């Protein structure tokens, strides 16, 4: 218990000694590493959507634009919004988020081939 208090006290002293810029980085906009972690989570969810869409197609002989119909629910803390579009040639799912509250929207796409790619990278802009 004493160690936790000492660590907490050390953090408070450290944060008090930080510049205003560093304090805003700690509590403000996500760091580059945090943005990259959110991107990895989006890529993993898109791969899961791809797998679930394939399974849904095998059973129903068509695709769905509803995650719930596939049996998928998103975690409550996801940063991205997911949208499935179905057309004559197959489907795509787009994950979109504004990672750092600027004008750039981070956008990742997966399609029926399973290829996940970045259309717009908000973590580097």
C-alpha atoms as a PDB file:
ATOM      1  CA  UNK A   1       0.000   0.000   0.000  1.00  0.00           C
ATOM      2  CA  UNK A   2       2.883   2.339   0.807  1.00  0.00           C
ATOM      3  CA  UNK A   3       4.426   1.653  -2.600  1.00  0.00           C
ATOM      4  CA  UNK A   4       1.233   2.597  -4.386  1.00  0.00           C
ATOM      5  CA  UNK A   5       1.007   5.845  -2.438  1.00  0.00           C
ATOM      6  CA  UNK A   6       4.658   6.624  -3.162  1.00  0.00           C
ATOM      7  CA  UNK A   7       4.196   5.916  -6.867  1.00  0.00           C
ATOM      8  CA  UNK A   8       1.083   8.078  -6.948  1.00  0.00           C
ATOM      9  CA  UNK A   9       2.906  10.868  -5.136  1.00  0.00           C
ATOM     10  CA  UNK A  10       5.855  10.576  -7.537  1.00  0.00           C
ATOM     11  CA  UNK A  11       3.484  10.838 -10.500  1.00  0.00           C
ATOM     12  CA  UNK A  12       1.769  13.911  -9.044  1.00  0.00           C
ATOM     13  CA  UNK A  13       5.140  15.578  -8.469  1.00  0.00           C
ATOM     14  CA  UNK A  14       6.277  14.606 -11.984  1.00  0.00           C
ATOM     15  CA  UNK A  15       3.079  15.930 -13.576  1.00  0.00           C
ATOM     16  CA  UNK A  16       3.322  19.169 -11.607  1.00  0.00           C
ATOM     17  CA  UNK A  17       6.861  19.657 -12.922  1.00  0.00           C
ATOM     18  CA  UNK A  18       5.910  18.980 -16.538  1.00  0.00           C
ATOM     19  CA  UNK A  19       5.457  21.774 -19.003  1.00  0.00           C
ATOM     20  CA  UNK A  20       1.937  22.720 -20.010  1.00  0.00           C
ATOM     21  CA  UNK A  21       2.614  21.177 -23.434  1.00  0.00           C
ATOM     22  CA  UNK A  22       3.585  17.829 -21.901  1.00  0.00           C
ATOM     23  CA  UNK A  23       0.602  17.876 -19.541  1.00  0.00           C
ATOM     24  CA  UNK A  24      -1.724  18.360 -22.493  1.00  0.00           C
ATOM     25  CA  UNK A  25      -0.032  15.430 -24.221  1.00  0.00           C
ATOM     26  CA  UNK A  26      -0.600  13.226 -21.189  1.00  0.00           C
ATOM     27  CA  UNK A  27      -4.283  14.074 -20.789  1.00  0.00           C
ATOM     28  CA  UNK A  28      -5.158  15.597 -24.137  1.00  0.00           C
ATOM     29  CA  UNK A  29      -5.009  14.275 -27.683  1.00  0.00           C
ATOM     30  CA  UNK A  30      -3.877  10.673 -28.106  1.00  0.00           C
ATOM     31  CA  UNK A  31      -0.191  10.079 -28.594  1.00  0.00           C
ATOM     32  CA  UNK A  32       1.096   8.588 -31.838  1.00  0.00           C
ATOM     33  CA  UNK A  33       1.544   5.222 -30.102  1.00  0.00           C
ATOM     34  CA  UNK A  34      -2.038   5.286 -28.816  1.00  0.00           C
ATOM     35  CA  UNK A  35      -3.309   6.204 -32.298  1.00  0.00           C
ATOM     36  CA  UNK A  36      -1.364   3.297 -33.794  1.00  0.00           C
ATOM     37  CA  UNK A  37      -2.835   0.954 -31.165  1.00  0.00           C
ATOM     38  CA  UNK A  38      -6.348   2.112 -32.094  1.00  0.00           C
ATOM     39  CA  UNK A  39      -5.519   1.469 -35.763  1.00  0.00           C
ATOM     40  CA  UNK A  40      -4.380  -2.077 -34.952  1.00  0.00           C
ATOM     41  CA  UNK A  41      -7.637  -2.665 -33.085  1.00  0.00           C
ATOM     42  CA  UNK A  42      -9.598  -1.458 -36.137  1.00  0.00           C
ATOM     43  CA  UNK A  43      -7.613  -3.769 -38.421  1.00  0.00           C
ATOM     44  CA  UNK A  44      -8.283  -6.735 -36.138  1.00  0.00           C
ATOM     45  CA  UNK A  45     -12.011  -5.981 -36.013  1.00  0.00           C
ATOM     46  CA  UNK A  46     -12.104  -5.648 -39.813  1.00  0.00           C
ATOM     47  CA  UNK A  47     -10.445  -9.063 -40.143  1.00  0.00           C
ATOM     48  CA  UNK A  48     -13.041 -10.468 -37.762  1.00  0.00           C
ATOM     49  CA  UNK A  49     -15.823  -8.881 -39.827  1.00  0.00           C
ATOM     50  CA  UNK A  50     -14.312 -10.486 -42.949  1.00  0.00           C
ATOM     51  CA  UNK A  51     -14.336 -13.921 -41.296  1.00  0.00           C
ATOM     52  CA  UNK A  52     -17.878 -13.513 -39.992  1.00  0.00           C
ATOM     53  CA  UNK A  53     -19.088 -12.263 -43.382  1.00  0.00           C
ATOM     54  CA  UNK A  54     -17.611 -15.382 -45.058  1.00  0.00           C
ATOM     55  CA  UNK A  55     -19.366 -17.621 -42.540  1.00  0.00           C
ATOM     56  CA  UNK A  56     -22.636 -15.748 -43.011  1.00  0.00           C
ATOM     57  CA  UNK A  57     -22.340 -16.144 -46.789  1.00  0.00           C
ATOM     58  CA  UNK A  58     -21.757 -19.915 -46.512  1.00  0.00           C
ATOM     59  CA  UNK A  59     -24.940 -20.314 -44.481  1.00  0.00           C
ATOM     60  CA  UNK A  60     -27.260 -17.782 -46.205  1.00  0.00           C
ATOM     61  CA  UNK A  61     -25.762 -17.549 -49.732  1.00  0.00           C
ATOM     62  CA  UNK A  62     -25.691 -13.756 -49.512  1.00  0.00           C
ATOM     63  CA  UNK A  63     -23.890 -11.012 -47.589  1.00  0.00           C
ATOM     64  CA  UNK A  64     -25.324  -8.817 -44.864  1.00  0.00           C
ATOM     65  CA  UNK A  65     -24.756  -5.175 -44.002  1.00  0.00           C
ATOM     66  CA  UNK A  66     -25.692  -5.775 -40.353  1.00  0.00           C
ATOM     67  CA  UNK A  67     -23.032  -6.802 -37.828  1.00  0.00           C
ATOM     68  CA  UNK A  68     -25.697  -8.154 -35.496  1.00  0.00           C
ATOM     69  CA  UNK A  69     -27.009 -10.493 -38.222  1.00  0.00           C
ATOM     70  CA  UNK A  70     -23.496 -11.944 -38.472  1.00  0.00           C
ATOM     71  CA  UNK A  71     -23.506 -12.566 -34.735  1.00  0.00           C
ATOM     72  CA  UNK A  72     -20.996  -9.822 -34.000  1.00  0.00           C
ATOM     73  CA  UNK A  73     -21.191  -7.106 -31.391  1.00  0.00           C
ATOM     74  CA  UNK A  74     -18.562  -4.410 -31.092  1.00  0.00           C
ATOM     75  CA  UNK A  75     -16.892  -3.728 -27.756  1.00  0.00           C
ATOM     76  CA  UNK A  76     -18.350  -0.741 -25.935  1.00  0.00           C
ATOM     77  CA  UNK A  77     -15.152   1.304 -26.079  1.00  0.00           C
ATOM     78  CA  UNK A  78     -14.399   1.212 -29.821  1.00  0.00           C
ATOM     79  CA  UNK A  79     -13.221   4.488 -31.306  1.00  0.00           C
ATOM     80  CA  UNK A  80     -14.125   3.620 -34.907  1.00  0.00           C
ATOM     81  CA  UNK A  81     -17.514   3.432 -36.560  1.00  0.00           C
ATOM     82  CA  UNK A  82     -18.043   0.490 -38.918  1.00  0.00           C
ATOM     83  CA  UNK A  83     -20.201   0.473 -42.027  1.00  0.00           C
ATOM     84  CA  UNK A  84     -20.763  -2.375 -44.451  1.00  0.00           C
ATOM     85  CA  UNK A  85     -21.693  -1.642 -48.063  1.00  0.00           C
ATOM     86  CA  UNK A  86     -22.966  -4.417 -50.327  1.00  0.00           C
ATOM     87  CA  UNK A  87     -22.892  -4.134 -54.124  1.00  0.00           C
ATOM     88  CA  UNK A  88     -23.091  -6.401 -57.180  1.00  0.00           C
ATOM     89  CA  UNK A  89     -19.442  -7.429 -56.968  1.00  0.00           C
ATOM     90  CA  UNK A  90     -19.335  -8.150 -53.221  1.00  0.00           C
ATOM     91  CA  UNK A  91     -18.979  -6.010 -50.126  1.00  0.00           C
ATOM     92  CA  UNK A  92     -16.705  -3.612 -48.286  1.00  0.00           C
ATOM     93  CA  UNK A  93     -16.554  -2.603 -44.658  1.00  0.00           C
ATOM     94  CA  UNK A  94     -15.156   0.785 -43.720  1.00  0.00           C
ATOM     95  CA  UNK A  95     -13.871   1.743 -40.287  1.00  0.00           C
ATOM     96  CA  UNK A  96     -13.712   5.504 -39.658  1.00  0.00           C
ATOM     97  CA  UNK A  97     -12.466   7.601 -36.734  1.00  0.00           C
ATOM     98  CA  UNK A  98     -10.939  10.963 -35.967  1.00  0.00           C
ATOM     99  CA  UNK A  99      -8.017   9.929 -33.778  1.00  0.00           C
ATOM    100  CA  UNK A 100      -6.692  13.356 -32.803  1.00  0.00           C
ATOM    101  CA  UNK A 101      -9.554  15.819 -33.312  1.00  0.00           C
ATOM    102  CA  UNK A 102      -8.171  17.368 -36.487  1.00  0.00           C
ATOM    103  CA  UNK A 103      -9.676  17.562 -39.983  1.00  0.00           C
ATOM    104  CA  UNK A 104      -8.284  14.179 -41.096  1.00  0.00           C
ATOM    105  CA  UNK A 105     -10.446  11.072 -40.692  1.00  0.00           C
ATOM    106  CA  UNK A 106      -8.636   7.751 -40.250  1.00  0.00           C
ATOM    107  CA  UNK A 107     -10.188   5.238 -42.650  1.00  0.00           C
ATOM    108  CA  UNK A 108      -9.534   1.505 -43.028  1.00  0.00           C
ATOM    109  CA  UNK A 109     -11.277  -0.810 -45.495  1.00  0.00           C
ATOM    110  CA  UNK A 110     -11.712  -4.571 -45.864  1.00  0.00           C
ATOM    111  CA  UNK A 111     -13.526  -6.282 -48.732  1.00  0.00           C
ATOM    112  CA  UNK A 112     -14.649  -9.775 -49.715  1.00  0.00           C
ATOM    113  CA  UNK A 113     -11.052 -10.689 -50.663  1.00  0.00           C
ATOM    114  CA  UNK A 114      -9.952 -10.152 -47.034  1.00  0.00           C
ATOM    115  CA  UNK A 115      -7.531  -7.381 -47.939  1.00  0.00           C
ATOM    116  CA  UNK A 116      -7.335  -4.715 -45.212  1.00  0.00           C
ATOM    117  CA  UNK A 117      -5.847  -1.411 -46.283  1.00  0.00           C
ATOM    118  CA  UNK A 118      -5.605   2.153 -45.065  1.00  0.00           C
ATOM    119  CA  UNK A 119      -7.406   4.721 -47.196  1.00  0.00           C
ATOM    120  CA  UNK A 120      -6.536   7.708 -44.962  1.00  0.00           C
ATOM    121  CA  UNK A 121      -3.978   7.636 -42.127  1.00  0.00           C
ATOM    122  CA  UNK A 122      -4.849  10.073 -39.331  1.00  0.00           C
ATOM    123  CA  UNK A 123      -1.993   8.850 -37.125  1.00  0.00           C
ATOM    124  CA  UNK A 124       0.670  10.294 -39.421  1.00  0.00           C
ATOM    125  CA  UNK A 125      -1.081  13.485 -40.520  1.00  0.00           C
END
